[in-house]
Amino acid sequence: MAMLVAGMAGLVFLGLVIFLLVSNVDSLSRQFLSGLGYFLLVVSTLELLVLFWVLVYIAISDWSLWGLSFDAFWREQLSAIYFIKEWLYSWLWNDLLNFFFVFLPAVVFLTLRTIITTVLGFWALAASKKQN
């Protein structure tokens, strides 16, 4: 139950950050919005590559589409940098990280992240072009 509460708190926080970004767009500089837009589009491209990697890994392994968590993928495929995840657990709310890394399947987690970063990236670029 604590993990679901943490997940909801994380989603509320994400919604609040997006709301503040959208409502204060006029006070943000054009360079910041442009840089943010390009950064988010590059990140979403990398997320698409990782999502494709996850799908290929699921196709050639015994994992199912809904059974592979991002934690298991990270542990098995990215073991050289797995210490970063362990370090995150020492700094952040463990139930929140468990919700995103363990509870959600990797395909769902990466798809949601890719959609959010792509939409925000295109929004930031459009907002930077509206400012003259």
Protein backbone atom coordinates (compact mmCIF):
# COMPACT_ATOMS: atom_id res chain seq x y z
CA MET A 1 0.00 0.00 0.00
CA ALA A 2 2.85 2.39 0.80
CA MET A 3 4.23 1.86 -2.71
CA LEU A 4 0.95 2.94 -4.31
CA VAL A 5 0.80 6.02 -2.07
CA ALA A 6 4.37 6.84 -3.08
CA GLY A 7 3.48 6.36 -6.75
CA MET A 8 0.50 8.66 -6.46
CA ALA A 9 2.64 11.24 -4.64
CA GLY A 10 5.19 11.04 -7.45
CA LEU A 11 2.54 11.51 -10.10
CA VAL A 12 1.02 14.46 -8.23
CA PHE A 13 4.48 16.03 -7.95
CA LEU A 14 5.09 15.50 -11.67
CA GLY A 15 1.72 17.07 -12.47
CA LEU A 16 2.52 20.04 -10.22
CA VAL A 17 5.89 20.61 -11.92
CA ILE A 18 4.28 20.45 -15.37
CA PHE A 19 1.48 22.80 -14.26
CA LEU A 20 3.99 25.33 -12.91
CA LEU A 21 6.06 25.11 -16.08
CA VAL A 22 3.03 25.67 -18.32
CA SER A 23 1.49 28.43 -16.20
CA ASN A 24 4.76 30.40 -15.99
CA VAL A 25 5.82 30.02 -19.60
CA ASP A 26 5.79 33.80 -20.19
CA SER A 27 8.42 34.38 -17.50
CA LEU A 28 10.82 31.80 -18.94
CA SER A 29 13.43 32.90 -21.45
CA ARG A 30 13.35 31.78 -25.05
CA GLN A 31 16.81 30.20 -24.74
CA PHE A 32 15.73 28.18 -21.70
CA LEU A 33 12.60 26.88 -23.44
CA SER A 34 14.51 26.06 -26.60
CA GLY A 35 17.26 24.26 -24.69
CA LEU A 36 14.71 22.40 -22.60
CA GLY A 37 12.80 21.35 -25.71
CA TYR A 38 15.85 20.01 -27.51
CA PHE A 39 17.11 18.30 -24.34
CA LEU A 40 13.77 16.55 -23.80
CA LEU A 41 13.60 15.42 -27.43
CA VAL A 42 17.11 13.96 -27.22
CA VAL A 43 16.16 12.19 -23.98
CA SER A 44 12.97 10.83 -25.55
CA THR A 45 15.00 9.48 -28.48
CA LEU A 46 17.30 7.68 -26.04
CA GLU A 47 14.26 6.34 -24.18
CA LEU A 48 12.88 4.98 -27.46
CA LEU A 49 16.16 3.15 -28.03
CA VAL A 50 16.02 1.65 -24.52
CA LEU A 51 12.37 0.70 -25.08
CA PHE A 52 13.35 -1.06 -28.31
CA TRP A 53 16.18 -2.80 -26.41
CA VAL A 54 13.68 -3.97 -23.76
CA LEU A 55 11.33 -5.32 -26.43
CA VAL A 56 14.15 -7.20 -28.15
CA TYR A 57 15.33 -8.57 -24.79
CA ILE A 58 11.80 -9.77 -24.00
CA ALA A 59 11.57 -11.43 -27.42
CA ILE A 60 14.80 -13.43 -26.96
CA SER A 61 14.48 -14.26 -23.26
CA ASP A 62 12.02 -16.02 -20.98
CA TRP A 63 10.50 -12.78 -19.71
CA SER A 64 6.95 -11.79 -20.64
CA LEU A 65 5.85 -8.35 -21.76
CA TRP A 66 4.20 -7.61 -18.40
CA GLY A 67 6.64 -9.59 -16.27
CA LEU A 68 9.90 -7.72 -16.88
CA SER A 69 10.29 -4.83 -14.47
CA PHE A 70 12.75 -2.04 -15.14
CA ASP A 71 14.69 -3.19 -12.08
CA ALA A 72 15.14 -6.70 -13.51
CA PHE A 73 16.14 -5.28 -16.90
CA TRP A 74 18.61 -2.92 -15.27
CA ARG A 75 20.06 -5.73 -13.11
CA GLU A 76 20.47 -8.15 -16.02
CA GLN A 77 21.34 -5.87 -18.94
CA LEU A 78 22.93 -2.83 -17.29
CA SER A 79 24.80 -4.53 -14.47
CA ALA A 80 27.87 -2.32 -14.96
CA ILE A 81 25.89 0.74 -13.80
CA TYR A 82 23.53 -1.01 -11.38
CA PHE A 83 25.31 0.74 -8.50
CA ILE A 84 23.59 3.98 -9.58
CA LYS A 85 20.21 2.46 -8.77
CA GLU A 86 21.48 1.32 -5.39
CA TRP A 87 22.82 4.83 -4.76
CA LEU A 88 19.41 6.32 -5.65
CA TYR A 89 17.82 4.09 -3.02
CA SER A 90 20.08 5.65 -0.39
CA TRP A 91 18.89 9.17 -1.30
CA LEU A 92 15.25 8.92 -2.38
CA TRP A 93 12.04 7.49 -1.01
CA ASN A 94 12.34 3.72 -1.43
CA ASP A 95 8.61 3.14 -1.95
CA LEU A 96 8.56 5.72 -4.74
CA LEU A 97 11.50 4.06 -6.49
CA ASN A 98 9.93 0.63 -5.99
CA PHE A 99 6.75 1.87 -7.68
CA PHE A 100 8.58 3.02 -10.80
CA PHE A 101 11.40 0.46 -10.96
CA VAL A 102 9.82 -2.71 -9.55
CA PHE A 103 6.01 -2.47 -9.68
CA LEU A 104 5.54 -1.07 -13.19
CA PRO A 105 6.57 -3.27 -16.12
CA ALA A 106 9.53 -1.86 -18.05
CA VAL A 107 7.46 -1.44 -21.21
CA VAL A 108 4.81 0.63 -19.41
CA PHE A 109 7.38 2.71 -17.51
CA LEU A 110 9.44 3.53 -20.60
CA THR A 111 6.39 4.18 -22.78
CA LEU A 112 4.95 6.67 -20.29
CA ARG A 113 8.31 8.39 -19.86
CA THR A 114 8.82 8.63 -23.62
CA ILE A 115 5.35 10.09 -24.22
CA ILE A 116 5.72 12.67 -21.44
CA THR A 117 9.19 13.82 -22.48
CA THR A 118 8.26 13.99 -26.17
CA VAL A 119 5.11 16.03 -25.54
CA LEU A 120 6.92 18.38 -23.15
CA GLY A 121 9.81 18.75 -25.61
CA PHE A 122 7.54 19.72 -28.50
CA TRP A 123 5.57 22.04 -26.20
CA ALA A 124 8.76 23.78 -25.04
CA LEU A 125 9.94 24.27 -28.64
CA ALA A 126 6.55 25.64 -29.69
CA ALA A 127 6.48 27.98 -26.68
CA SER A 128 9.99 29.23 -27.46
CA LYS A 129 8.98 29.99 -31.06
CA LYS A 130 5.94 31.99 -29.87
CA GLN A 131 8.17 34.30 -27.86
CA ASN A 132 9.74 37.00 -30.01
